[in-house]
PDB file of N, CA and C in Angstrom:
ATOM      1  N   UNK A   1     256.448 132.573 -38.390  1.00  0.00           N
ATOM      2  CA  UNK A   1     257.562 132.085 -38.334  1.00  0.00           C
ATOM      3  C   UNK A   1     258.337 133.336 -37.430  1.00  0.00           C
ATOM      4  N   UNK A   2     259.350 132.670 -36.696  1.00  0.00           N
ATOM      5  CA  UNK A   2     260.169 133.275 -35.487  1.00  0.00           C
ATOM      6  C   UNK A   2     261.471 134.119 -36.172  1.00  0.00           C
ATOM      7  N   UNK A   3     261.594 134.563 -35.331  1.00  0.00           N
ATOM      8  CA  UNK A   3     262.980 135.559 -36.300  1.00  0.00           C
ATOM      9  C   UNK A   3     264.122 135.815 -35.031  1.00  0.00           C
ATOM     10  N   UNK A   4     265.150 136.149 -35.626  1.00  0.00           N
ATOM     11  CA  UNK A   4     266.213 136.301 -34.235  1.00  0.00           C
ATOM     12  C   UNK A   4     265.978 137.629 -33.569  1.00  0.00           C
ATOM     13  N   UNK A   5     265.983 137.115 -32.534  1.00  0.00           N
ATOM     14  CA  UNK A   5     266.139 136.523 -31.650  1.00  0.00           C
ATOM     15  C   UNK A   5     264.831 136.396 -30.547  1.00  0.00           C
ATOM     16  N   UNK A   6     264.207 134.738 -30.629  1.00  0.00           N
ATOM     17  CA  UNK A   6     263.168 134.687 -29.601  1.00  0.00           C
ATOM     18  C   UNK A   6     263.383 134.364 -28.677  1.00  0.00           C
ATOM     19  N   UNK A   7     262.364 134.849 -27.760  1.00  0.00           N
ATOM     20  CA  UNK A   7     262.029 134.407 -26.280  1.00  0.00           C
ATOM     21  C   UNK A   7     261.158 134.544 -25.898  1.00  0.00           C
ATOM     22  N   UNK A   8     261.009 133.730 -24.473  1.00  0.00           N
ATOM     23  CA  UNK A   8     259.675 134.453 -23.899  1.00  0.00           C
ATOM     24  C   UNK A   8     260.149 134.705 -22.674  1.00  0.00           C
ATOM     25  N   UNK A   9     258.829 135.362 -22.449  1.00  0.00           N
ATOM     26  CA  UNK A   9     259.206 135.851 -21.018  1.00  0.00           C
ATOM     27  C   UNK A   9     257.879 135.937 -20.150  1.00  0.00           C
ATOM     28  N   UNK A  10     258.345 135.420 -18.629  1.00  0.00           N
ATOM     29  CA  UNK A  10     257.393 134.653 -17.592  1.00  0.00           C
ATOM     30  C   UNK A  10     256.485 136.017 -17.001  1.00  0.00           C
ATOM     31  N   UNK A  11     255.910 135.599 -16.240  1.00  0.00           N
ATOM     32  CA  UNK A  11     255.108 136.772 -15.294  1.00  0.00           C
ATOM     33  C   UNK A  11     255.765 137.422 -14.384  1.00  0.00           C
ATOM     34  N   UNK A  12     257.016 136.829 -14.154  1.00  0.00           N
ATOM     35  CA  UNK A  12     257.979 137.080 -12.943  1.00  0.00           C
ATOM     36  C   UNK A  12     259.045 138.070 -13.908  1.00  0.00           C
ATOM     37  N   UNK A  13     258.920 138.256 -15.043  1.00  0.00           N
ATOM     38  CA  UNK A  13     260.010 138.934 -15.476  1.00  0.00           C
ATOM     39  C   UNK A  13     261.297 137.955 -16.006  1.00  0.00           C
ATOM     40  N   UNK A  14     261.095 136.685 -15.938  1.00  0.00           N
ATOM     41  CA  UNK A  14     262.291 135.984 -16.536  1.00  0.00           C
ATOM     42  C   UNK A  14     262.290 135.970 -17.844  1.00  0.00           C
ATOM     43  N   UNK A  15     263.486 135.745 -18.536  1.00  0.00           N
ATOM     44  CA  UNK A  15     263.589 135.693 -20.077  1.00  0.00           C
ATOM     45  C   UNK A  15     264.179 134.369 -20.334  1.00  0.00           C
ATOM     46  N   UNK A  16     263.195 133.696 -21.025  1.00  0.00           N
ATOM     47  CA  UNK A  16     263.652 132.389 -21.394  1.00  0.00           C
ATOM     48  C   UNK A  16     263.916 132.588 -22.693  1.00  0.00           C
ATOM     49  N   UNK A  17     265.395 131.667 -23.303  1.00  0.00           N
ATOM     50  CA  UNK A  17     265.679 131.926 -24.830  1.00  0.00           C
ATOM     51  C   UNK A  17     267.120 130.687 -24.539  1.00  0.00           C
ATOM     52  N   UNK A  18     267.545 130.726 -25.581  1.00  0.00           N
ATOM     53  CA  UNK A  18     268.277 129.381 -26.083  1.00  0.00           C
ATOM     54  C   UNK A  18     269.140 129.822 -27.199  1.00  0.00           C
ATOM     55  N   UNK A  19     270.476 129.684 -27.367  1.00  0.00           N
ATOM     56  CA  UNK A  19     271.456 129.962 -28.465  1.00  0.00           C
ATOM     57  C   UNK A  19     271.122 128.974 -29.849  1.00  0.00           C
ATOM     58  N   UNK A  20     270.538 127.774 -29.197  1.00  0.00           N
ATOM     59  CA  UNK A  20     270.475 126.887 -30.175  1.00  0.00           C
ATOM     60  C   UNK A  20     269.237 126.919 -30.827  1.00  0.00           C
ATOM     61  N   UNK A  21     268.111 127.784 -30.396  1.00  0.00           N
ATOM     62  CA  UNK A  21     266.933 127.928 -31.332  1.00  0.00           C
ATOM     63  C   UNK A  21     265.950 129.363 -31.620  1.00  0.00           C
ATOM     64  N   UNK A  22     265.446 129.648 -32.828  1.00  0.00           N
ATOM     65  CA  UNK A  22     264.795 130.711 -32.800  1.00  0.00           C
ATOM     66  C   UNK A  22     263.209 130.690 -32.830  1.00  0.00           C
ATOM     67  N   UNK A  23     262.925 129.371 -32.097  1.00  0.00           N
ATOM     68  CA  UNK A  23     261.477 128.737 -32.184  1.00  0.00           C
ATOM     69  C   UNK A  23     260.942 128.757 -31.111  1.00  0.00           C
ATOM     70  N   UNK A  24     259.695 129.822 -30.810  1.00  0.00           N
ATOM     71  CA  UNK A  24     259.138 130.071 -29.767  1.00  0.00           C
ATOM     72  C   UNK A  24     258.781 128.355 -29.362  1.00  0.00           C
ATOM     73  N   UNK A  25     258.270 127.388 -30.137  1.00  0.00           N
ATOM     74  CA  UNK A  25     257.898 126.510 -29.962  1.00  0.00           C
ATOM     75  C   UNK A  25     258.627 125.364 -29.248  1.00  0.00           C
ATOM     76  N   UNK A  26     259.962 125.429 -29.753  1.00  0.00           N
ATOM     77  CA  UNK A  26     260.963 124.785 -29.275  1.00  0.00           C
ATOM     78  C   UNK A  26     261.074 125.471 -27.773  1.00  0.00           C
ATOM     79  N   UNK A  27     261.127 126.354 -27.518  1.00  0.00           N
ATOM     80  CA  UNK A  27     261.577 127.072 -26.223  1.00  0.00           C
ATOM     81  C   UNK A  27     260.338 126.667 -25.135  1.00  0.00           C
ATOM     82  N   UNK A  28     259.218 126.612 -25.649  1.00  0.00           N
ATOM     83  CA  UNK A  28     258.200 126.037 -25.006  1.00  0.00           C
ATOM     84  C   UNK A  28     258.380 124.799 -24.553  1.00  0.00           C
ATOM     85  N   UNK A  29     258.713 123.858 -25.302  1.00  0.00           N
ATOM     86  CA  UNK A  29     259.265 122.446 -24.931  1.00  0.00           C
ATOM     87  C   UNK A  29     260.526 122.250 -24.276  1.00  0.00           C
ATOM     88  N   UNK A  30     261.380 123.013 -24.299  1.00  0.00           N
ATOM     89  CA  UNK A  30     262.453 123.062 -24.080  1.00  0.00           C
ATOM     90  C   UNK A  30     262.466 123.400 -22.374  1.00  0.00           C
ATOM     91  N   UNK A  31     261.520 124.387 -22.143  1.00  0.00           N
ATOM     92  CA  UNK A  31     261.335 124.661 -20.731  1.00  0.00           C
ATOM     93  C   UNK A  31     260.173 124.119 -20.288  1.00  0.00           C
ATOM     94  N   UNK A  32     259.558 123.516 -20.627  1.00  0.00           N
ATOM     95  CA  UNK A  32     258.385 122.473 -20.320  1.00  0.00           C
ATOM     96  C   UNK A  32     256.942 123.281 -19.672  1.00  0.00           C
ATOM     97  N   UNK A  33     257.015 124.288 -20.561  1.00  0.00           N
ATOM     98  CA  UNK A  33     255.966 125.287 -20.390  1.00  0.00           C
ATOM     99  C   UNK A  33     254.488 125.054 -20.782  1.00  0.00           C
ATOM    100  N   UNK A  34     253.312 125.348 -20.009  1.00  0.00           N
ATOM    101  CA  UNK A  34     251.935 125.308 -20.677  1.00  0.00           C
ATOM    102  C   UNK A  34     251.496 126.316 -21.523  1.00  0.00           C
ATOM    103  N   UNK A  35     251.289 126.200 -23.017  1.00  0.00           N
ATOM    104  CA  UNK A  35     251.010 127.326 -23.612  1.00  0.00           C
ATOM    105  C   UNK A  35     249.528 127.576 -23.290  1.00  0.00           C
ATOM    106  N   UNK A  36     248.925 128.372 -22.101  1.00  0.00           N
ATOM    107  CA  UNK A  36     247.577 128.533 -22.090  1.00  0.00           C
ATOM    108  C   UNK A  36     247.445 130.373 -21.823  1.00  0.00           C
ATOM    109  N   UNK A  37     248.370 130.762 -22.122  1.00  0.00           N
ATOM    110  CA  UNK A  37     248.157 132.108 -22.392  1.00  0.00           C
ATOM    111  C   UNK A  37     248.312 133.433 -20.943  1.00  0.00           C
ATOM    112  N   UNK A  38     248.792 132.361 -20.048  1.00  0.00           N
ATOM    113  CA  UNK A  38     249.108 132.908 -18.800  1.00  0.00           C
ATOM    114  C   UNK A  38     250.377 132.595 -18.360  1.00  0.00           C
ATOM    115  N   UNK A  39     251.290 131.612 -18.951  1.00  0.00           N
ATOM    116  CA  UNK A  39     252.424 131.471 -18.989  1.00  0.00           C
ATOM    117  C   UNK A  39     253.608 131.894 -18.836  1.00  0.00           C
ATOM    118  N   UNK A  40     253.555 132.603 -20.297  1.00  0.00           N
ATOM    119  CA  UNK A  40     255.024 133.448 -20.710  1.00  0.00           C
ATOM    120  C   UNK A  40     254.108 134.425 -22.128  1.00  0.00           C
ATOM    121  N   UNK A  41     254.899 135.787 -22.602  1.00  0.00           N
ATOM    122  CA  UNK A  41     255.123 136.139 -23.265  1.00  0.00           C
ATOM    123  C   UNK A  41     255.870 135.789 -24.554  1.00  0.00           C
ATOM    124  N   UNK A  42     255.379 135.635 -25.724  1.00  0.00           N
ATOM    125  CA  UNK A  42     256.492 135.610 -26.849  1.00  0.00           C
ATOM    126  C   UNK A  42     257.255 136.926 -27.114  1.00  0.00           C
ATOM    127  N   UNK A  43     257.961 137.053 -27.633  1.00  0.00           N
ATOM    128  CA  UNK A  43     258.715 138.139 -28.280  1.00  0.00           C
ATOM    129  C   UNK A  43     260.127 137.702 -28.968  1.00  0.00           C
ATOM    130  N   UNK A  44     260.450 138.919 -29.757  1.00  0.00           N
ATOM    131  CA  UNK A  44     261.447 138.499 -30.711  1.00  0.00           C
ATOM    132  C   UNK A  44     262.309 139.947 -30.730  1.00  0.00           C
ATOM    133  N   UNK A  45     263.575 140.071 -31.001  1.00  0.00           N
ATOM    134  CA  UNK A  45     264.226 140.991 -31.064  1.00  0.00           C
ATOM    135  C   UNK A  45     265.447 141.170 -32.332  1.00  0.00           C
ATOM    136  N   UNK A  46     265.004 141.755 -33.652  1.00  0.00           N
ATOM    137  CA  UNK A  46     265.631 142.037 -34.947  1.00  0.00           C
ATOM    138  C   UNK A  46     265.189 143.155 -35.505  1.00  0.00           C
ATOM    139  N   UNK A  47     265.971 143.594 -36.374  1.00  0.00           N
ATOM    140  CA  UNK A  47     265.893 145.100 -37.128  1.00  0.00           C
ATOM    141  C   UNK A  47     264.768 144.997 -38.057  1.00  0.00           C
ATOM    142  N   UNK A  48     264.117 146.234 -38.132  1.00  0.00           N
ATOM    143  CA  UNK A  48     263.189 145.904 -39.087  1.00  0.00           C
ATOM    144  C   UNK A  48     263.257 145.690 -40.543  1.00  0.00           C
ATOM    145  N   UNK A  49     264.640 146.115 -41.013  1.00  0.00           N
ATOM    146  CA  UNK A  49     265.222 146.110 -42.466  1.00  0.00           C
ATOM    147  C   UNK A  49     266.258 144.801 -42.379  1.00  0.00           C
ATOM    148  N   UNK A  50     265.793 143.551 -43.066  1.00  0.00           N
ATOM    149  CA  UNK A  50     266.780 142.830 -43.281  1.00  0.00           C
ATOM    150  C   UNK A  50     268.390 143.177 -43.505  1.00  0.00           C
ATOM    151  N   UNK A  51     268.562 144.038 -43.975  1.00  0.00           N
ATOM    152  CA  UNK A  51     269.826 144.751 -44.630  1.00  0.00           C
ATOM    153  C   UNK A  51     270.639 145.030 -42.887  1.00  0.00           C
ATOM    154  N   UNK A  52     270.128 145.144 -42.328  1.00  0.00           N
ATOM    155  CA  UNK A  52     270.759 145.732 -40.924  1.00  0.00           C
ATOM    156  C   UNK A  52     270.735 144.760 -39.885  1.00  0.00           C
ATOM    157  N   UNK A  53     270.643 143.451 -40.143  1.00  0.00           N
ATOM    158  CA  UNK A  53     271.178 142.191 -39.581  1.00  0.00           C
ATOM    159  C   UNK A  53     272.215 142.653 -38.628  1.00  0.00           C
ATOM    160  N   UNK A  54     273.486 142.833 -39.377  1.00  0.00           N
ATOM    161  CA  UNK A  54     274.758 143.185 -38.696  1.00  0.00           C
ATOM    162  C   UNK A  54     275.139 144.381 -37.760  1.00  0.00           C
ATOM    163  N   UNK A  55     274.051 144.993 -37.533  1.00  0.00           N
ATOM    164  CA  UNK A  55     274.076 146.290 -36.952  1.00  0.00           C
ATOM    165  C   UNK A  55     272.861 145.926 -35.462  1.00  0.00           C
ATOM    166  N   UNK A  56     273.652 145.820 -34.426  1.00  0.00           N
ATOM    167  CA  UNK A  56     272.612 145.666 -33.334  1.00  0.00           C
ATOM    168  C   UNK A  56     271.927 146.657 -32.867  1.00  0.00           C
ATOM    169  N   UNK A  57     272.506 147.977 -33.187  1.00  0.00           N
ATOM    170  CA  UNK A  57     271.864 149.265 -33.094  1.00  0.00           C
ATOM    171  C   UNK A  57     270.309 149.357 -33.342  1.00  0.00           C
ATOM    172  N   UNK A  58     270.418 148.742 -34.615  1.00  0.00           N
ATOM    173  CA  UNK A  58     268.672 148.804 -35.265  1.00  0.00           C
ATOM    174  C   UNK A  58     267.943 147.850 -34.993  1.00  0.00           C
ATOM    175  N   UNK A  59     268.423 146.973 -34.259  1.00  0.00           N
ATOM    176  CA  UNK A  59     267.566 145.706 -33.503  1.00  0.00           C
ATOM    177  C   UNK A  59     266.197 146.727 -32.565  1.00  0.00           C
ATOM    178  N   UNK A  60     265.126 146.046 -32.879  1.00  0.00           N
ATOM    179  CA  UNK A  60     263.787 146.294 -32.142  1.00  0.00           C
ATOM    180  C   UNK A  60     263.214 145.166 -31.433  1.00  0.00           C
ATOM    181  N   UNK A  61     262.656 145.460 -29.990  1.00  0.00           N
ATOM    182  CA  UNK A  61     261.876 144.579 -29.408  1.00  0.00           C
ATOM    183  C   UNK A  61     260.813 144.705 -30.019  1.00  0.00           C
ATOM    184  N   UNK A  62     260.215 143.220 -30.550  1.00  0.00           N
ATOM    185  CA  UNK A  62     258.408 143.130 -30.946  1.00  0.00           C
ATOM    186  C   UNK A  62     258.041 142.280 -29.794  1.00  0.00           C
ATOM    187  N   UNK A  63     257.040 142.609 -29.717  1.00  0.00           N
ATOM    188  CA  UNK A  63     255.515 141.761 -28.864  1.00  0.00           C
ATOM    189  C   UNK A  63     254.965 140.667 -29.658  1.00  0.00           C
ATOM    190  N   UNK A  64     255.179 139.512 -29.684  1.00  0.00           N
ATOM    191  CA  UNK A  64     254.103 138.866 -30.649  1.00  0.00           C
ATOM    192  C   UNK A  64     253.024 138.573 -29.597  1.00  0.00           C
ATOM    193  N   UNK A  65     252.500 138.929 -28.448  1.00  0.00           N
ATOM    194  CA  UNK A  65     251.425 138.998 -27.986  1.00  0.00           C
ATOM    195  C   UNK A  65     250.820 139.383 -27.031  1.00  0.00           C
ATOM    196  N   UNK A  66     249.819 139.566 -26.112  1.00  0.00           N
ATOM    197  CA  UNK A  66     249.297 140.044 -24.968  1.00  0.00           C
ATOM    198  C   UNK A  66     250.514 139.681 -23.990  1.00  0.00           C
ATOM    199  N   UNK A  67     250.734 140.469 -23.105  1.00  0.00           N
ATOM    200  CA  UNK A  67     251.591 139.912 -21.899  1.00  0.00           C
ATOM    201  C   UNK A  67     250.299 139.036 -21.052  1.00  0.00           C
ATOM    202  N   UNK A  68     250.882 138.085 -20.154  1.00  0.00           N
ATOM    203  CA  UNK A  68     250.180 137.504 -19.093  1.00  0.00           C
ATOM    204  C   UNK A  68     249.707 137.951 -18.358  1.00  0.00           C
ATOM    205  N   UNK A  69     248.513 137.885 -17.986  1.00  0.00           N
ATOM    206  CA  UNK A  69     248.089 138.744 -16.343  1.00  0.00           C
ATOM    207  C   UNK A  69     248.033 137.671 -15.358  1.00  0.00           C
TER     208      UNK A  69
END
């Protein structure tokens, strides 16, 4: 399950996201990417405790997979 805020990062360092979805799969479709393990890395930015959702200072970057090589 994707959490706020979901994004994809390319090997060139581009961060691909949309204000309209938190779904990695929607982002893959939106940016017309091939999910082959080399095109992008999934990441999410959210607080570890849901009660901190309104405090951006509590947010952490979570990498969902190994970065592309």
